[in-house]
Amino acid sequence: MLRINFFILIFFLIFFRNISYAENINELYEKIDLFSEVLEKIDKEYVEEINQAEIMESA
């Protein structure tokens, strides 16, 4: 019985760890999408020519 409880505990720990990791990845992708939208808007609407590499380094 102790062994079964141990395996159940391990299963839940691994399962919830993976959920937390997936949430962090999704949050990261959302921030990358937002940054690319802002960079695209700057490129289209800014009056002067911009250097995208310089903007990315400054961000």
N, C-alpha and C. Protein backbone atom coordinates (compact mmCIF):
# COMPACT_ATOMS: atom_id res chain seq x y z
N MET A 1 0.82 -1.19 0.00
CA MET A 1 0.00 0.00 0.00
C MET A 1 0.87 1.26 0.00
N LEU A 2 1.94 1.23 0.74
CA LEU A 2 2.84 2.37 0.80
C LEU A 2 3.46 2.64 -0.57
N ARG A 3 3.75 1.58 -1.27
CA ARG A 3 4.35 1.71 -2.60
C ARG A 3 3.39 2.37 -3.58
N ILE A 4 2.12 2.00 -3.52
CA ILE A 4 1.11 2.57 -4.40
C ILE A 4 0.95 4.06 -4.11
N ASN A 5 0.91 4.41 -2.84
CA ASN A 5 0.81 5.83 -2.47
C ASN A 5 2.01 6.61 -2.96
N PHE A 6 3.17 6.01 -2.87
CA PHE A 6 4.39 6.66 -3.34
C PHE A 6 4.31 6.94 -4.84
N PHE A 7 3.88 5.96 -5.63
CA PHE A 7 3.78 6.13 -7.08
C PHE A 7 2.71 7.16 -7.45
N ILE A 8 1.62 7.18 -6.72
CA ILE A 8 0.58 8.18 -6.97
C ILE A 8 1.12 9.58 -6.68
N LEU A 9 1.84 9.72 -5.60
CA LEU A 9 2.44 11.00 -5.26
C LEU A 9 3.42 11.45 -6.33
N ILE A 10 4.27 10.57 -6.78
CA ILE A 10 5.24 10.89 -7.84
C ILE A 10 4.52 11.30 -9.12
N PHE A 11 3.46 10.57 -9.47
CA PHE A 11 2.70 10.89 -10.67
C PHE A 11 2.15 12.31 -10.60
N PHE A 12 1.53 12.68 -9.48
CA PHE A 12 0.95 14.02 -9.35
C PHE A 12 2.03 15.10 -9.35
N LEU A 13 3.15 14.84 -8.74
CA LEU A 13 4.23 15.83 -8.75
C LEU A 13 4.73 16.08 -10.17
N ILE A 14 4.92 15.03 -10.92
CA ILE A 14 5.37 15.17 -12.31
C ILE A 14 4.30 15.87 -13.15
N PHE A 15 3.06 15.48 -12.97
CA PHE A 15 1.95 16.06 -13.74
C PHE A 15 1.84 17.56 -13.50
N PHE A 16 1.84 17.98 -12.24
CA PHE A 16 1.68 19.40 -11.93
C PHE A 16 2.92 20.21 -12.29
N ARG A 17 4.06 19.60 -12.27
CA ARG A 17 5.28 20.29 -12.70
C ARG A 17 5.20 20.59 -14.19
N ASN A 18 4.70 19.65 -14.98
CA ASN A 18 4.56 19.85 -16.42
C ASN A 18 3.53 20.92 -16.73
N ILE A 19 2.46 21.00 -15.95
CA ILE A 19 1.46 22.04 -16.17
C ILE A 19 2.08 23.41 -15.92
N SER A 20 2.83 23.54 -14.86
CA SER A 20 3.49 24.80 -14.55
C SER A 20 4.46 25.19 -15.65
N TYR A 21 5.20 24.24 -16.16
CA TYR A 21 6.15 24.50 -17.25
C TYR A 21 5.41 24.96 -18.49
N ALA A 22 4.28 24.35 -18.82
CA ALA A 22 3.50 24.73 -20.00
C ALA A 22 2.96 26.15 -19.86
N GLU A 23 2.53 26.53 -18.66
CA GLU A 23 2.04 27.89 -18.45
C GLU A 23 3.16 28.90 -18.65
N ASN A 24 4.37 28.59 -18.18
CA ASN A 24 5.50 29.50 -18.36
C ASN A 24 5.84 29.65 -19.83
N ILE A 25 5.80 28.56 -20.58
CA ILE A 25 6.10 28.62 -22.01
C ILE A 25 5.05 29.45 -22.73
N ASN A 26 3.77 29.26 -22.40
CA ASN A 26 2.71 30.04 -23.04
C ASN A 26 2.87 31.53 -22.75
N GLU A 27 3.22 31.86 -21.53
CA GLU A 27 3.44 33.26 -21.17
C GLU A 27 4.61 33.84 -21.95
N LEU A 28 5.66 33.07 -22.12
CA LEU A 28 6.81 33.52 -22.88
C LEU A 28 6.43 33.78 -24.34
N TYR A 29 5.68 32.86 -24.94
CA TYR A 29 5.25 33.04 -26.33
C TYR A 29 4.35 34.26 -26.49
N GLU A 30 3.50 34.53 -25.51
CA GLU A 30 2.64 35.71 -25.58
C GLU A 30 3.48 36.98 -25.56
N LYS A 31 4.52 37.01 -24.74
CA LYS A 31 5.39 38.19 -24.67
C LYS A 31 6.19 38.35 -25.96
N ILE A 32 6.63 37.26 -26.54
CA ILE A 32 7.35 37.33 -27.82
C ILE A 32 6.43 37.84 -28.92
N ASP A 33 5.18 37.38 -28.94
CA ASP A 33 4.21 37.86 -29.92
C ASP A 33 3.96 39.35 -29.76
N LEU A 34 3.81 39.81 -28.53
CA LEU A 34 3.59 41.22 -28.28
C LEU A 34 4.79 42.04 -28.75
N PHE A 35 5.99 41.59 -28.45
CA PHE A 35 7.19 42.30 -28.87
C PHE A 35 7.27 42.38 -30.39
N SER A 36 6.94 41.30 -31.08
CA SER A 36 7.00 41.32 -32.55
C SER A 36 5.95 42.26 -33.12
N GLU A 37 4.77 42.34 -32.50
CA GLU A 37 3.74 43.28 -32.96
C GLU A 37 4.21 44.73 -32.78
N VAL A 38 4.83 45.03 -31.65
CA VAL A 38 5.33 46.38 -31.40
C VAL A 38 6.43 46.71 -32.38
N LEU A 39 7.34 45.80 -32.62
CA LEU A 39 8.44 46.03 -33.55
C LEU A 39 7.90 46.26 -34.96
N GLU A 40 6.91 45.50 -35.37
CA GLU A 40 6.31 45.67 -36.69
C GLU A 40 5.62 47.04 -36.81
N LYS A 41 4.93 47.45 -35.76
CA LYS A 41 4.25 48.75 -35.77
C LYS A 41 5.26 49.89 -35.85
N ILE A 42 6.35 49.79 -35.11
CA ILE A 42 7.40 50.81 -35.18
C ILE A 42 7.98 50.87 -36.59
N ASP A 43 8.22 49.72 -37.17
CA ASP A 43 8.81 49.66 -38.51
C ASP A 43 7.88 50.30 -39.55
N LYS A 44 6.58 50.09 -39.43
CA LYS A 44 5.63 50.62 -40.40
C LYS A 44 5.34 52.11 -40.21
N GLU A 45 5.24 52.56 -38.95
CA GLU A 45 4.70 53.88 -38.69
C GLU A 45 5.73 54.91 -38.25
N TYR A 46 6.96 54.52 -37.99
CA TYR A 46 7.96 55.47 -37.55
C TYR A 46 8.42 56.31 -38.73
N VAL A 47 8.65 57.58 -38.52
CA VAL A 47 8.96 58.51 -39.61
C VAL A 47 10.33 58.21 -40.22
N GLU A 48 11.32 58.03 -39.38
CA GLU A 48 12.68 57.78 -39.87
C GLU A 48 12.92 56.28 -40.03
N GLU A 49 13.94 55.96 -40.82
CA GLU A 49 14.34 54.56 -40.99
C GLU A 49 14.92 54.05 -39.67
N ILE A 50 14.55 52.84 -39.28
CA ILE A 50 15.02 52.29 -38.01
C ILE A 50 15.94 51.10 -38.25
N ASN A 51 16.79 50.85 -37.27
CA ASN A 51 17.65 49.67 -37.28
C ASN A 51 17.04 48.67 -36.29
N GLN A 52 16.46 47.59 -36.81
CA GLN A 52 15.77 46.64 -35.95
C GLN A 52 16.70 45.98 -34.94
N ALA A 53 17.92 45.72 -35.33
CA ALA A 53 18.88 45.10 -34.41
C ALA A 53 19.14 46.02 -33.22
N GLU A 54 19.25 47.31 -33.48
CA GLU A 54 19.49 48.27 -32.42
C GLU A 54 18.29 48.36 -31.47
N ILE A 55 17.09 48.30 -32.03
CA ILE A 55 15.89 48.34 -31.20
C ILE A 55 15.81 47.09 -30.33
N MET A 56 16.13 45.94 -30.89
CA MET A 56 16.07 44.70 -30.12
C MET A 56 17.09 44.70 -28.99
N GLU A 57 18.27 45.25 -29.23
CA GLU A 57 19.27 45.33 -28.18
C GLU A 57 18.84 46.29 -27.07
N SER A 58 18.17 47.37 -27.46
CA SER A 58 17.72 48.36 -26.48
C SER A 58 16.56 47.85 -25.64
N ALA A 59 15.77 46.95 -26.22
CA ALA A 59 14.61 46.44 -25.49
C ALA A 59 15.10 45.54 -24.38
